[in-house]
């Protein structure tokens, strides 16, 4: 294959560079340019292969092709594959020695062997098209059409000079952090995949790398200390998710242990304390606004007087810090008192807001189930 490619490249170059094309020019072909494009291409190759010229100007070739296609009359960027196809077609017609007036009907397979039909079609095609480009750049592809009503099958072989094929996307490296049950440390790993990719396919690749059962793994992305997306098997992992956040893969407990997930616990930072009263500017023993915690007052009277000015800004906007904590608990441990006990034993301090405390004190008993 490499030898054939070198022979074709060298043959096309030598055909024009050495002037061999002049013997094949067909100046009477109405479809071509009378050999003008071939002569301009010959001059361009001479400039490109000359040791005396440091650069070459293909403007003459562009002007010649703009007469065949208006898209090249300006200076806008155009598709390289379309330019190459027009160039090869034009050069072929300039050197075409076939009889363009010859008419024929493409033969149909109709029970014949493929090789016989292909040869017959190729011979008919060469009666109208005979040039260096036909011999070296053209081929045939098989077309098969079946009638759904009568069942007739039509097989034809059509000529082609070029094929448009999609290029395979390069695999990219996806970095993720692995949380293992066997180790408290966080592992930093990599996996290669094409994006976008389904979460099921990505987890399958990760489970093969980690040598773990895919059913024991869950995956989510974290951005700005909060969970950006949590993936089920049918979800797609998008490039935007990975560019905005970090991919986390964690190992879950065996389903036989009755494991459940108490979704997410976020660490929240408290705003810096204000050292003076927001109404009277007095310093001393101040108390914060329980809702926004951004302002402080020396007493309830100052808070009431400042409420009208502060009302529009009094909004709770907690800032999360650190990584979200995802706890895996057995079904029997999904009780409020048991959950708080496990959190405390793991040095996790849970501080609910005042509103949450009231809701818990009124609606939750220590034996109530937390569910999922």
Foldseek 3Di string as FASTA:
>chain_A
DVVLVVCVVVVVLCCLQVVVLVVQFDQPQPVEDRCPLSVLVSVQSNLVPDPVHPDGDSPVNLVVLCVVPVVSVDDDDDDPVVVVVSSLVRSQSRRFPADQVDDDDQDWCQPPDPVVSQVVNLVSVNNNGDGPQCVRQKDWDWDWDADPPPGDITITIDMDRDDDDDDDDFWDKAWAWEAEPVDRDIDIDIDTDDPFDFPLVVLVRVCVVVVHDSVQKWKFWDAQQHTPDTHDRGDTDHPVRRVRTHMYMYGHDDVVQQKDKPAWDFAWDQPDADQAAPQPRHGDDWDADLAQRPGTHPDPVSCVVCCVVCVVVRHHDTRTDDHIDMDMDHQCQQFQLSVVVVCVVVVHDDDDRPVVVVCCVVPHDRGDGNDD
